[in-house]
Amino acid sequence: MSIKDISNGKTIIEKVTSPGDNLWIVFINSVEGLPVGDHFIVNDNYKMTFTETIYQAPYAGYIHQERAKVIAPRTIKISSLNKPMEEVTFYAGYTFKHMLFLNGNWLPLYEVAQGGDLIEVKVKSCSRLSLFLKK
C-alpha cells in the first residue's frame, strides 16, 4: 500500500499488504462537523474495496439508505458496499485532521502532509522478486 502526498510529491508511507488487510480513514465531515469512519479492505486482486462507512448524522444515509443501520444515537453504519477502487484520494484536513489505521495501527499522515494537501492511497500488486530487489 502506498500513501502519497500528491501536492508535494512525497511518499508518506509504503507498506506491504496482502488480501484481507484493512484500512480505516477517520475524519470530521466538513459540512456537519461530525465524525466519519470509512473502511476499506485489500481484495484478492490487490485493489482496495470500500466496504462500509460509519457516521453521525441527524438524518438517514448518504448512500444506500436501505442498508443503513442505527448502531448508536444518531450514528449510522452502512455495510456491504463492496465497491472496488483503484485509489482513494482526499484533501488532508486543516483544523480536523484525518486519521489512518492500517490493520489497527495508526499511520503518521501529518508528519509529511499539511492541511489542504491532496492525499492518494493506492495498492500496487508486485511480484516477490521485485520486492526482493527493492531491499
Protein backbone atom coordinates (compact mmCIF):
# COMPACT_ATOMS: atom_id res chain seq x y z
CA MET A 1 0.00 0.00 0.00
CA SER A 2 1.30 3.39 -0.95
CA ILE A 3 0.13 6.60 0.70
CA LYS A 4 1.41 9.70 -1.06
CA ASP A 5 1.08 13.43 -0.66
CA ILE A 6 0.38 14.34 -4.28
CA SER A 7 0.59 18.07 -3.54
CA ASN A 8 4.27 17.98 -2.62
CA GLY A 9 5.30 14.75 -4.37
CA LYS A 10 6.32 12.95 -1.17
CA THR A 11 5.65 9.40 -0.07
CA ILE A 12 4.06 9.31 3.37
CA ILE A 13 4.33 5.58 3.86
CA GLU A 14 4.65 2.36 1.88
CA LYS A 15 3.66 -0.94 3.45
CA VAL A 16 3.47 -4.45 2.07
CA THR A 17 -0.16 -5.53 2.19
CA SER A 18 -1.99 -8.75 1.48
CA PRO A 19 -5.59 -9.60 0.64
CA GLY A 20 -7.67 -9.14 3.78
CA ASP A 21 -5.63 -6.24 5.16
CA ASN A 22 -7.81 -3.30 6.10
CA LEU A 23 -7.59 0.48 6.23
CA TRP A 24 -9.77 2.87 8.20
CA ILE A 25 -9.88 6.53 7.24
CA VAL A 26 -11.43 8.52 10.08
CA PHE A 27 -12.24 12.21 9.74
CA ILE A 28 -14.62 15.02 10.65
CA ASN A 29 -17.17 15.82 7.96
CA SER A 30 -16.58 19.41 6.88
CA VAL A 31 -20.29 20.15 6.36
CA GLU A 32 -21.79 18.92 9.63
CA GLY A 33 -18.62 18.79 11.73
CA LEU A 34 -19.41 15.21 12.75
CA PRO A 35 -17.17 12.10 12.76
CA VAL A 36 -16.99 9.65 9.84
CA GLY A 37 -15.14 6.33 9.52
CA ASP A 38 -14.66 4.72 6.10
CA HIS A 39 -13.44 1.11 5.95
CA PHE A 40 -11.51 -0.43 3.06
CA ILE A 41 -10.19 -3.99 2.58
CA VAL A 42 -7.49 -5.18 0.16
CA ASN A 43 -9.23 -7.74 -2.07
CA ASP A 44 -7.79 -10.80 -3.83
CA ASN A 45 -6.95 -8.68 -6.89
CA TYR A 46 -4.92 -6.26 -4.75
CA LYS A 47 -7.48 -3.50 -5.14
CA MET A 48 -8.97 -1.53 -2.30
CA THR A 49 -12.62 -2.32 -1.66
CA PHE A 50 -14.79 0.26 0.11
CA THR A 51 -16.79 -1.95 2.47
CA GLU A 52 -18.57 0.26 4.99
CA THR A 53 -18.99 3.72 6.42
CA ILE A 54 -19.96 4.78 9.92
CA TYR A 55 -21.01 8.33 10.69
CA GLN A 56 -23.12 10.55 12.86
CA ALA A 57 -25.86 12.44 11.13
CA PRO A 58 -29.24 13.83 12.08
CA TYR A 59 -30.76 12.09 9.04
CA ALA A 60 -30.52 8.80 7.16
CA GLY A 61 -27.69 7.51 4.99
CA TYR A 62 -25.85 9.42 2.32
CA ILE A 63 -25.56 6.31 0.18
CA HIS A 64 -27.55 3.08 0.13
CA GLN A 65 -30.03 4.31 2.70
CA GLU A 66 -31.77 0.92 2.55
CA ARG A 67 -28.68 -0.66 4.17
CA ALA A 68 -28.37 1.94 6.94
CA LYS A 69 -28.39 0.55 10.46
CA VAL A 70 -28.59 2.72 13.57
CA ILE A 71 -25.81 1.49 15.88
CA ALA A 72 -25.98 4.29 18.49
CA PRO A 73 -27.96 7.50 18.93
CA ARG A 74 -27.67 9.45 15.65
CA THR A 75 -24.95 7.05 14.46
CA ILE A 76 -25.42 5.18 11.18
CA LYS A 77 -23.49 2.21 9.78
CA ILE A 78 -23.81 1.23 6.13
CA SER A 79 -22.21 -2.13 5.32
CA SER A 80 -21.89 -4.41 2.29
CA LEU A 81 -20.88 -1.61 -0.06
CA ASN A 82 -18.16 -3.75 -1.68
CA LYS A 83 -17.04 -1.10 -4.17
CA PRO A 84 -13.61 -1.87 -5.72
CA MET A 85 -11.46 1.24 -6.08
CA GLU A 86 -8.20 1.83 -7.94
CA GLU A 87 -7.27 4.53 -5.44
CA VAL A 88 -8.71 6.72 -2.72
CA THR A 89 -7.94 10.43 -2.67
CA PHE A 90 -8.84 13.12 -0.16
CA TYR A 91 -7.65 16.52 0.98
CA ALA A 92 -5.91 16.49 4.35
CA GLY A 93 -7.88 18.46 6.92
CA TYR A 94 -6.67 21.80 8.25
CA THR A 95 -8.40 22.01 11.62
CA PHE A 96 -9.78 18.50 11.95
CA LYS A 97 -7.09 16.01 10.99
CA HIS A 98 -7.70 12.72 9.19
CA MET A 99 -6.55 9.58 10.97
CA LEU A 100 -5.50 6.46 9.07
CA PHE A 101 -5.24 2.99 10.58
CA LEU A 102 -3.78 0.03 8.67
CA ASN A 103 -4.73 -3.26 10.35
CA GLY A 104 -5.42 -1.29 13.53
CA ASN A 105 -2.08 0.54 13.53
CA TRP A 106 -2.06 4.34 13.31
CA LEU A 107 -0.25 5.82 10.30
CA PRO A 108 1.56 9.19 10.73
CA LEU A 109 -0.09 11.15 7.91
CA TYR A 110 0.70 14.63 9.23
CA GLU A 111 4.42 14.05 9.70
CA VAL A 112 4.61 14.68 5.94
CA ALA A 113 1.27 16.20 4.90
CA GLN A 114 -0.26 19.53 5.82
CA GLY A 115 -3.84 20.72 5.74
CA GLY A 116 -5.08 21.11 2.17
CA ASP A 117 -2.64 18.61 0.63
CA LEU A 118 -4.10 16.04 -1.76
CA ILE A 119 -3.51 12.52 -0.40
CA GLU A 120 -3.61 9.35 -2.52
CA VAL A 121 -3.96 5.83 -1.13
CA LYS A 122 -3.29 3.02 -3.58
CA VAL A 123 -2.47 -0.69 -3.51
CA LYS A 124 0.11 -1.86 -6.00
CA SER A 125 0.49 -5.53 -6.79
CA CYS A 126 4.07 -6.62 -7.34
CA SER A 127 5.92 -9.89 -7.55
CA ARG A 128 8.06 -11.29 -4.76
CA LEU A 129 11.11 -10.83 -6.99
CA SER A 130 10.51 -7.08 -7.30
CA LEU A 131 10.03 -6.86 -3.52
CA PHE A 132 13.34 -8.68 -3.04
CA LEU A 133 15.11 -6.36 -5.49
CA LYS A 134 13.84 -3.27 -3.61
CA LYS A 135 15.53 -4.44 -0.40
